[in-house]
């Protein structure tokens, strides 16, 4: 199996290439966004790359679809010294024994004051509550700024909620209820904006059709670059 890549616009598509006793070339995009190509024995790599290039728009569309369902965050041990993301920046976690429990940002650190800093489950609970409160603050502000974009294609009043989710960044219902993954508070502001705009576009198109992407390109011309940054940041 070979690892190859092509350039398509501003995007780089990496793919795994294998050869087999078959008549046609097959391309599959998996939920982890990896691309696998199986070509007939004897097919030149140049011909394969040409075929992949011709399917590049479809491949990127599939990868974007899977991105909506697979936020990936590294496991954390909740001990002093490890790094945690907040609004796209890395902070060192610092645990301090204190009867009055709280969380504060100071310089390059997230400081957790807790009664029992050896209890990692409790530290995680405190920190997640802090992230949740910050998400409430930032998500609502960005949503209020961006929701007017939907006035031309949605007659209702969209609403926003957020909660921790394992399998998607966001979702949208036909009634205009948009749900964001609280995990997004760990990403840069522009990534949160991208996911909000992505879900607002679903108010017009509850799918990933060509019409959906036409609207997304109109409202967020640089969305692919932002999506790539989101993927790299959270892996």
C-alpha atoms as a PDB file:
ATOM      1  CA  UNK A   1       0.000   0.000   0.000  1.00  0.00           C
ATOM      2  CA  UNK A   2       1.333   3.434  -0.976  1.00  0.00           C
ATOM      3  CA  UNK A   3       0.552   6.838   0.535  1.00  0.00           C
ATOM      4  CA  UNK A   4      -0.003   9.487  -2.114  1.00  0.00           C
ATOM      5  CA  UNK A   5      -1.416  12.995  -2.285  1.00  0.00           C
ATOM      6  CA  UNK A   6      -2.804  15.537  -4.747  1.00  0.00           C
ATOM      7  CA  UNK A   7      -3.458  19.269  -4.597  1.00  0.00           C
ATOM      8  CA  UNK A   8      -6.980  20.448  -5.322  1.00  0.00           C
ATOM      9  CA  UNK A   9      -7.358  24.203  -5.027  1.00  0.00           C
ATOM     10  CA  UNK A  10      -6.222  25.150  -1.529  1.00  0.00           C
ATOM     11  CA  UNK A  11      -6.738  21.614  -0.235  1.00  0.00           C
ATOM     12  CA  UNK A  12      -4.343  18.665  -0.088  1.00  0.00           C
ATOM     13  CA  UNK A  13      -5.945  15.248  -0.361  1.00  0.00           C
ATOM     14  CA  UNK A  14      -3.879  12.368   0.995  1.00  0.00           C
ATOM     15  CA  UNK A  15      -4.880   8.849   0.059  1.00  0.00           C
ATOM     16  CA  UNK A  16      -3.748   5.261   0.474  1.00  0.00           C
ATOM     17  CA  UNK A  17      -3.267   3.428  -2.803  1.00  0.00           C
ATOM     18  CA  UNK A  18      -3.424  -0.302  -3.287  1.00  0.00           C
ATOM     19  CA  UNK A  19      -3.614  -2.487  -6.384  1.00  0.00           C
ATOM     20  CA  UNK A  20      -5.773  -5.560  -6.911  1.00  0.00           C
ATOM     21  CA  UNK A  21      -7.028  -7.935  -9.581  1.00  0.00           C
ATOM     22  CA  UNK A  22     -10.072  -5.897 -10.567  1.00  0.00           C
ATOM     23  CA  UNK A  23     -11.378  -4.023 -13.614  1.00  0.00           C
ATOM     24  CA  UNK A  24     -12.375  -0.682 -12.112  1.00  0.00           C
ATOM     25  CA  UNK A  25     -10.841   1.855  -9.743  1.00  0.00           C
ATOM     26  CA  UNK A  26     -12.609   2.331  -6.409  1.00  0.00           C
ATOM     27  CA  UNK A  27     -12.397   5.243  -3.975  1.00  0.00           C
ATOM     28  CA  UNK A  28     -13.688   5.075  -0.390  1.00  0.00           C
ATOM     29  CA  UNK A  29     -13.770   7.782   2.276  1.00  0.00           C
ATOM     30  CA  UNK A  30     -13.942   6.422   5.831  1.00  0.00           C
ATOM     31  CA  UNK A  31     -15.364   8.066   8.982  1.00  0.00           C
ATOM     32  CA  UNK A  32     -11.841   8.990  10.167  1.00  0.00           C
ATOM     33  CA  UNK A  33     -11.676  10.964   6.866  1.00  0.00           C
ATOM     34  CA  UNK A  34      -8.956   8.727   5.434  1.00  0.00           C
ATOM     35  CA  UNK A  35      -9.166   8.054   1.691  1.00  0.00           C
ATOM     36  CA  UNK A  36      -8.429   4.598   0.269  1.00  0.00           C
ATOM     37  CA  UNK A  37      -8.028   3.909  -3.447  1.00  0.00           C
ATOM     38  CA  UNK A  38      -7.942   0.439  -4.983  1.00  0.00           C
ATOM     39  CA  UNK A  39      -6.817   0.376  -8.610  1.00  0.00           C
ATOM     40  CA  UNK A  40      -6.546  -2.447 -11.169  1.00  0.00           C
ATOM     41  CA  UNK A  41      -3.119  -4.085 -11.350  1.00  0.00           C
ATOM     42  CA  UNK A  42      -0.879  -2.271 -13.815  1.00  0.00           C
ATOM     43  CA  UNK A  43      -2.570   1.124 -13.516  1.00  0.00           C
ATOM     44  CA  UNK A  44      -0.052   3.971 -13.540  1.00  0.00           C
ATOM     45  CA  UNK A  45       0.106   6.268 -10.514  1.00  0.00           C
ATOM     46  CA  UNK A  46      -0.419   9.259 -12.811  1.00  0.00           C
ATOM     47  CA  UNK A  47      -3.678   7.792 -14.038  1.00  0.00           C
ATOM     48  CA  UNK A  48      -4.747   7.079 -10.446  1.00  0.00           C
ATOM     49  CA  UNK A  49      -3.959  10.638  -9.333  1.00  0.00           C
ATOM     50  CA  UNK A  50      -5.984  11.929 -12.286  1.00  0.00           C
ATOM     51  CA  UNK A  51      -8.963   9.852 -11.207  1.00  0.00           C
ATOM     52  CA  UNK A  52      -8.627  11.044  -7.618  1.00  0.00           C
ATOM     53  CA  UNK A  53      -8.430  14.656  -8.824  1.00  0.00           C
ATOM     54  CA  UNK A  54     -11.637  14.202 -10.813  1.00  0.00           C
ATOM     55  CA  UNK A  55     -13.356  12.959  -7.646  1.00  0.00           C
ATOM     56  CA  UNK A  56     -11.739  15.567  -5.381  1.00  0.00           C
ATOM     57  CA  UNK A  57     -14.899  17.652  -4.875  1.00  0.00           C
ATOM     58  CA  UNK A  58     -16.813  14.535  -3.815  1.00  0.00           C
ATOM     59  CA  UNK A  59     -13.977  13.401  -1.509  1.00  0.00           C
ATOM     60  CA  UNK A  60     -13.839  16.771   0.260  1.00  0.00           C
ATOM     61  CA  UNK A  61     -17.612  16.784   0.589  1.00  0.00           C
ATOM     62  CA  UNK A  62     -17.523  13.334   2.213  1.00  0.00           C
ATOM     63  CA  UNK A  63     -14.737  14.391   4.577  1.00  0.00           C
ATOM     64  CA  UNK A  64     -16.714  17.466   5.559  1.00  0.00           C
ATOM     65  CA  UNK A  65     -19.761  15.295   6.206  1.00  0.00           C
ATOM     66  CA  UNK A  66     -17.785  13.020   8.506  1.00  0.00           C
ATOM     67  CA  UNK A  67     -16.283  16.037  10.291  1.00  0.00           C
ATOM     68  CA  UNK A  68     -19.806  16.943  11.402  1.00  0.00           C
ATOM     69  CA  UNK A  69     -20.013  13.636  13.249  1.00  0.00           C
ATOM     70  CA  UNK A  70     -16.545  13.011  14.628  1.00  0.00           C
ATOM     71  CA  UNK A  71     -14.998  15.538  16.966  1.00  0.00           C
ATOM     72  CA  UNK A  72     -11.795  13.944  18.219  1.00  0.00           C
ATOM     73  CA  UNK A  73     -10.251  15.086  21.482  1.00  0.00           C
ATOM     74  CA  UNK A  74      -7.226  13.525  23.144  1.00  0.00           C
ATOM     75  CA  UNK A  75      -7.816  11.892  26.550  1.00  0.00           C
ATOM     76  CA  UNK A  76      -6.831  13.990  29.555  1.00  0.00           C
ATOM     77  CA  UNK A  77      -5.611  12.890  32.999  1.00  0.00           C
ATOM     78  CA  UNK A  78      -6.427  16.194  34.781  1.00  0.00           C
ATOM     79  CA  UNK A  79      -3.076  16.546  36.493  1.00  0.00           C
ATOM     80  CA  UNK A  80      -0.910  19.634  36.941  1.00  0.00           C
ATOM     81  CA  UNK A  81       1.302  20.350  33.962  1.00  0.00           C
ATOM     82  CA  UNK A  82      -0.778  18.853  31.169  1.00  0.00           C
ATOM     83  CA  UNK A  83      -2.116  21.143  28.450  1.00  0.00           C
ATOM     84  CA  UNK A  84      -5.738  22.040  27.791  1.00  0.00           C
ATOM     85  CA  UNK A  85      -7.189  24.037  24.911  1.00  0.00           C
ATOM     86  CA  UNK A  86      -9.371  27.102  25.399  1.00  0.00           C
ATOM     87  CA  UNK A  87     -10.466  29.206  22.408  1.00  0.00           C
ATOM     88  CA  UNK A  88      -7.696  27.658  20.336  1.00  0.00           C
ATOM     89  CA  UNK A  89      -4.825  28.366  22.722  1.00  0.00           C
ATOM     90  CA  UNK A  90      -2.872  25.890  24.817  1.00  0.00           C
ATOM     91  CA  UNK A  91      -2.893  26.404  28.590  1.00  0.00           C
ATOM     92  CA  UNK A  92      -1.083  24.507  31.337  1.00  0.00           C
ATOM     93  CA  UNK A  93      -3.340  23.055  33.987  1.00  0.00           C
ATOM     94  CA  UNK A  94      -2.378  24.025  37.524  1.00  0.00           C
ATOM     95  CA  UNK A  95      -4.119  22.461  40.526  1.00  0.00           C
ATOM     96  CA  UNK A  96      -4.103  24.303  43.859  1.00  0.00           C
ATOM     97  CA  UNK A  97      -5.597  23.097  47.127  1.00  0.00           C
ATOM     98  CA  UNK A  98      -8.270  25.540  48.295  1.00  0.00           C
ATOM     99  CA  UNK A  99     -11.520  25.192  50.256  1.00  0.00           C
ATOM    100  CA  UNK A 100     -13.342  27.606  47.966  1.00  0.00           C
ATOM    101  CA  UNK A 101     -13.421  25.941  44.540  1.00  0.00           C
ATOM    102  CA  UNK A 102     -13.032  27.986  41.360  1.00  0.00           C
ATOM    103  CA  UNK A 103     -11.247  28.174  38.008  1.00  0.00           C
ATOM    104  CA  UNK A 104      -9.188  31.114  36.778  1.00  0.00           C
ATOM    105  CA  UNK A 105      -7.090  31.959  33.734  1.00  0.00           C
ATOM    106  CA  UNK A 106      -3.732  33.447  34.613  1.00  0.00           C
ATOM    107  CA  UNK A 107      -1.063  33.967  31.982  1.00  0.00           C
ATOM    108  CA  UNK A 108      -0.597  30.681  30.205  1.00  0.00           C
ATOM    109  CA  UNK A 109      -2.311  28.615  32.893  1.00  0.00           C
ATOM    110  CA  UNK A 110      -5.778  27.387  33.768  1.00  0.00           C
ATOM    111  CA  UNK A 111      -5.733  27.314  37.558  1.00  0.00           C
ATOM    112  CA  UNK A 112      -8.194  25.017  39.315  1.00  0.00           C
ATOM    113  CA  UNK A 113      -8.684  25.676  43.017  1.00  0.00           C
ATOM    114  CA  UNK A 114     -10.158  22.562  44.599  1.00  0.00           C
ATOM    115  CA  UNK A 115     -10.588  20.856  47.957  1.00  0.00           C
ATOM    116  CA  UNK A 116      -9.239  17.584  46.603  1.00  0.00           C
ATOM    117  CA  UNK A 117      -6.750  17.967  43.764  1.00  0.00           C
ATOM    118  CA  UNK A 118      -5.955  14.239  43.879  1.00  0.00           C
ATOM    119  CA  UNK A 119      -9.529  13.411  42.893  1.00  0.00           C
ATOM    120  CA  UNK A 120      -9.246  13.591  39.105  1.00  0.00           C
ATOM    121  CA  UNK A 121     -12.938  12.959  38.503  1.00  0.00           C
ATOM    122  CA  UNK A 122     -13.778  15.925  40.706  1.00  0.00           C
ATOM    123  CA  UNK A 123     -11.166  18.113  38.975  1.00  0.00           C
ATOM    124  CA  UNK A 124     -12.673  17.149  35.619  1.00  0.00           C
ATOM    125  CA  UNK A 125     -16.159  18.048  36.863  1.00  0.00           C
ATOM    126  CA  UNK A 126     -15.019  21.495  38.029  1.00  0.00           C
ATOM    127  CA  UNK A 127     -13.153  22.188  34.802  1.00  0.00           C
ATOM    128  CA  UNK A 128     -16.013  21.032  32.575  1.00  0.00           C
ATOM    129  CA  UNK A 129     -18.417  23.275  34.471  1.00  0.00           C
ATOM    130  CA  UNK A 130     -16.067  26.191  33.786  1.00  0.00           C
ATOM    131  CA  UNK A 131     -15.840  25.320  30.090  1.00  0.00           C
ATOM    132  CA  UNK A 132     -19.631  25.080  29.963  1.00  0.00           C
ATOM    133  CA  UNK A 133     -20.089  28.545  31.447  1.00  0.00           C
ATOM    134  CA  UNK A 134     -17.572  29.992  28.988  1.00  0.00           C
ATOM    135  CA  UNK A 135     -19.327  28.217  26.108  1.00  0.00           C
ATOM    136  CA  UNK A 136     -22.638  29.772  27.168  1.00  0.00           C
ATOM    137  CA  UNK A 137     -21.047  33.207  27.063  1.00  0.00           C
ATOM    138  CA  UNK A 138     -19.143  32.945  23.781  1.00  0.00           C
ATOM    139  CA  UNK A 139     -21.592  30.783  21.803  1.00  0.00           C
ATOM    140  CA  UNK A 140     -24.536  33.086  22.517  1.00  0.00           C
ATOM    141  CA  UNK A 141     -22.564  36.172  21.515  1.00  0.00           C
ATOM    142  CA  UNK A 142     -21.383  34.655  18.233  1.00  0.00           C
ATOM    143  CA  UNK A 143     -24.807  33.200  17.478  1.00  0.00           C
ATOM    144  CA  UNK A 144     -26.470  36.606  17.943  1.00  0.00           C
ATOM    145  CA  UNK A 145     -23.925  38.109  15.552  1.00  0.00           C
ATOM    146  CA  UNK A 146     -24.318  35.418  12.885  1.00  0.00           C
ATOM    147  CA  UNK A 147     -28.005  34.495  12.984  1.00  0.00           C
ATOM    148  CA  UNK A 148     -29.030  37.492  10.795  1.00  0.00           C
ATOM    149  CA  UNK A 149     -27.310  35.640   7.916  1.00  0.00           C
ATOM    150  CA  UNK A 150     -30.272  33.244   7.878  1.00  0.00           C
ATOM    151  CA  UNK A 151     -32.986  35.894   7.437  1.00  0.00           C
ATOM    152  CA  UNK A 152     -32.971  35.568   3.650  1.00  0.00           C
ATOM    153  CA  UNK A 153     -33.722  31.826   3.685  1.00  0.00           C
ATOM    154  CA  UNK A 154     -35.389  31.051   7.035  1.00  0.00           C
ATOM    155  CA  UNK A 155     -38.561  32.775   8.193  1.00  0.00           C
ATOM    156  CA  UNK A 156     -38.524  31.583  11.785  1.00  0.00           C
ATOM    157  CA  UNK A 157     -36.321  32.556  14.710  1.00  0.00           C
ATOM    158  CA  UNK A 158     -33.432  30.085  15.175  1.00  0.00           C
ATOM    159  CA  UNK A 159     -32.594  29.056  18.726  1.00  0.00           C
ATOM    160  CA  UNK A 160     -29.330  27.850  20.216  1.00  0.00           C
ATOM    161  CA  UNK A 161     -28.437  25.210  22.783  1.00  0.00           C
ATOM    162  CA  UNK A 162     -25.211  23.411  23.574  1.00  0.00           C
ATOM    163  CA  UNK A 163     -24.163  20.246  25.372  1.00  0.00           C
ATOM    164  CA  UNK A 164     -21.267  17.813  25.454  1.00  0.00           C
ATOM    165  CA  UNK A 165     -21.476  15.396  22.527  1.00  0.00           C
ATOM    166  CA  UNK A 166     -19.270  12.506  21.457  1.00  0.00           C
ATOM    167  CA  UNK A 167     -20.158  12.199  17.802  1.00  0.00           C
ATOM    168  CA  UNK A 168     -20.771  15.576  16.214  1.00  0.00           C
ATOM    169  CA  UNK A 169     -19.876  19.251  16.299  1.00  0.00           C
ATOM    170  CA  UNK A 170     -23.413  20.447  15.830  1.00  0.00           C
ATOM    171  CA  UNK A 171     -26.886  19.719  14.516  1.00  0.00           C
ATOM    172  CA  UNK A 172     -29.906  21.563  13.201  1.00  0.00           C
ATOM    173  CA  UNK A 173     -33.615  20.685  13.266  1.00  0.00           C
ATOM    174  CA  UNK A 174     -36.197  21.731  10.661  1.00  0.00           C
ATOM    175  CA  UNK A 175     -37.755  24.007  13.314  1.00  0.00           C
ATOM    176  CA  UNK A 176     -34.546  26.037  13.603  1.00  0.00           C
ATOM    177  CA  UNK A 177     -33.143  24.505  16.774  1.00  0.00           C
ATOM    178  CA  UNK A 178     -29.359  24.552  16.543  1.00  0.00           C
ATOM    179  CA  UNK A 179     -27.294  22.453  18.926  1.00  0.00           C
ATOM    180  CA  UNK A 180     -23.545  22.931  19.366  1.00  0.00           C
ATOM    181  CA  UNK A 181     -21.029  20.653  21.014  1.00  0.00           C
ATOM    182  CA  UNK A 182     -19.692  22.362  24.148  1.00  0.00           C
ATOM    183  CA  UNK A 183     -16.281  20.973  23.142  1.00  0.00           C
ATOM    184  CA  UNK A 184     -16.103  23.765  20.547  1.00  0.00           C
ATOM    185  CA  UNK A 185     -15.176  26.224  23.315  1.00  0.00           C
ATOM    186  CA  UNK A 186     -11.694  24.718  23.053  1.00  0.00           C
ATOM    187  CA  UNK A 187     -11.355  25.859  19.418  1.00  0.00           C
ATOM    188  CA  UNK A 188     -10.603  29.309  17.956  1.00  0.00           C
ATOM    189  CA  UNK A 189     -13.422  31.799  17.507  1.00  0.00           C
ATOM    190  CA  UNK A 190     -13.413  31.348  13.726  1.00  0.00           C
ATOM    191  CA  UNK A 191     -13.944  27.587  14.119  1.00  0.00           C
ATOM    192  CA  UNK A 192     -16.986  28.182  16.312  1.00  0.00           C
ATOM    193  CA  UNK A 193     -18.256  30.671  13.736  1.00  0.00           C
ATOM    194  CA  UNK A 194     -17.744  28.104  10.973  1.00  0.00           C
ATOM    195  CA  UNK A 195     -19.811  25.452  12.765  1.00  0.00           C
ATOM    196  CA  UNK A 196     -22.585  27.958  13.515  1.00  0.00           C
ATOM    197  CA  UNK A 197     -22.703  29.069   9.859  1.00  0.00           C
ATOM    198  CA  UNK A 198     -22.607  25.420   8.764  1.00  0.00           C
ATOM    199  CA  UNK A 199     -25.676  24.688  10.886  1.00  0.00           C
ATOM    200  CA  UNK A 200     -27.451  27.884   9.796  1.00  0.00           C
ATOM    201  CA  UNK A 201     -27.057  26.703   6.190  1.00  0.00           C
ATOM    202  CA  UNK A 202     -28.926  23.548   7.173  1.00  0.00           C
ATOM    203  CA  UNK A 203     -31.959  25.741   7.878  1.00  0.00           C
ATOM    204  CA  UNK A 204     -32.199  26.039   4.104  1.00  0.00           C
ATOM    205  CA  UNK A 205     -30.867  22.597   3.154  1.00  0.00           C
ATOM    206  CA  UNK A 206     -31.101  19.706   5.613  1.00  0.00           C
ATOM    207  CA  UNK A 207     -28.460  17.746   3.713  1.00  0.00           C
ATOM    208  CA  UNK A 208     -25.017  18.122   2.198  1.00  0.00           C
ATOM    209  CA  UNK A 209     -26.214  18.757  -1.334  1.00  0.00           C
ATOM    210  CA  UNK A 210     -24.651  21.005  -3.963  1.00  0.00           C
ATOM    211  CA  UNK A 211     -27.144  23.707  -2.978  1.00  0.00           C
ATOM    212  CA  UNK A 212     -26.001  23.464   0.647  1.00  0.00           C
ATOM    213  CA  UNK A 213     -22.357  23.949  -0.310  1.00  0.00           C
ATOM    214  CA  UNK A 214     -23.233  26.808  -2.644  1.00  0.00           C
ATOM    215  CA  UNK A 215     -24.849  28.610   0.291  1.00  0.00           C
ATOM    216  CA  UNK A 216     -21.951  27.748   2.632  1.00  0.00           C
ATOM    217  CA  UNK A 217     -19.444  29.091   0.111  1.00  0.00           C
ATOM    218  CA  UNK A 218     -21.451  32.301  -0.111  1.00  0.00           C
ATOM    219  CA  UNK A 219     -21.705  32.850   3.644  1.00  0.00           C
ATOM    220  CA  UNK A 220     -18.230  31.586   4.543  1.00  0.00           C
ATOM    221  CA  UNK A 221     -15.858  31.678   1.540  1.00  0.00           C
ATOM    222  CA  UNK A 222     -12.875  30.418   3.566  1.00  0.00           C
ATOM    223  CA  UNK A 223     -14.725  27.607   5.318  1.00  0.00           C
ATOM    224  CA  UNK A 224     -12.479  24.821   3.976  1.00  0.00           C
ATOM    225  CA  UNK A 225      -9.368  26.448   5.449  1.00  0.00           C
ATOM    226  CA  UNK A 226     -11.142  26.855   8.784  1.00  0.00           C
ATOM    227  CA  UNK A 227     -12.400  23.268   8.685  1.00  0.00           C
ATOM    228  CA  UNK A 228      -8.843  22.033   8.074  1.00  0.00           C
ATOM    229  CA  UNK A 229      -7.621  24.045  11.063  1.00  0.00           C
ATOM    230  CA  UNK A 230     -10.386  22.591  13.222  1.00  0.00           C
ATOM    231  CA  UNK A 231      -9.426  19.061  12.188  1.00  0.00           C
ATOM    232  CA  UNK A 232      -5.724  19.550  12.911  1.00  0.00           C
ATOM    233  CA  UNK A 233      -6.341  21.302  16.213  1.00  0.00           C
ATOM    234  CA  UNK A 234      -8.574  18.631  17.705  1.00  0.00           C
ATOM    235  CA  UNK A 235      -6.707  15.491  16.621  1.00  0.00           C
END
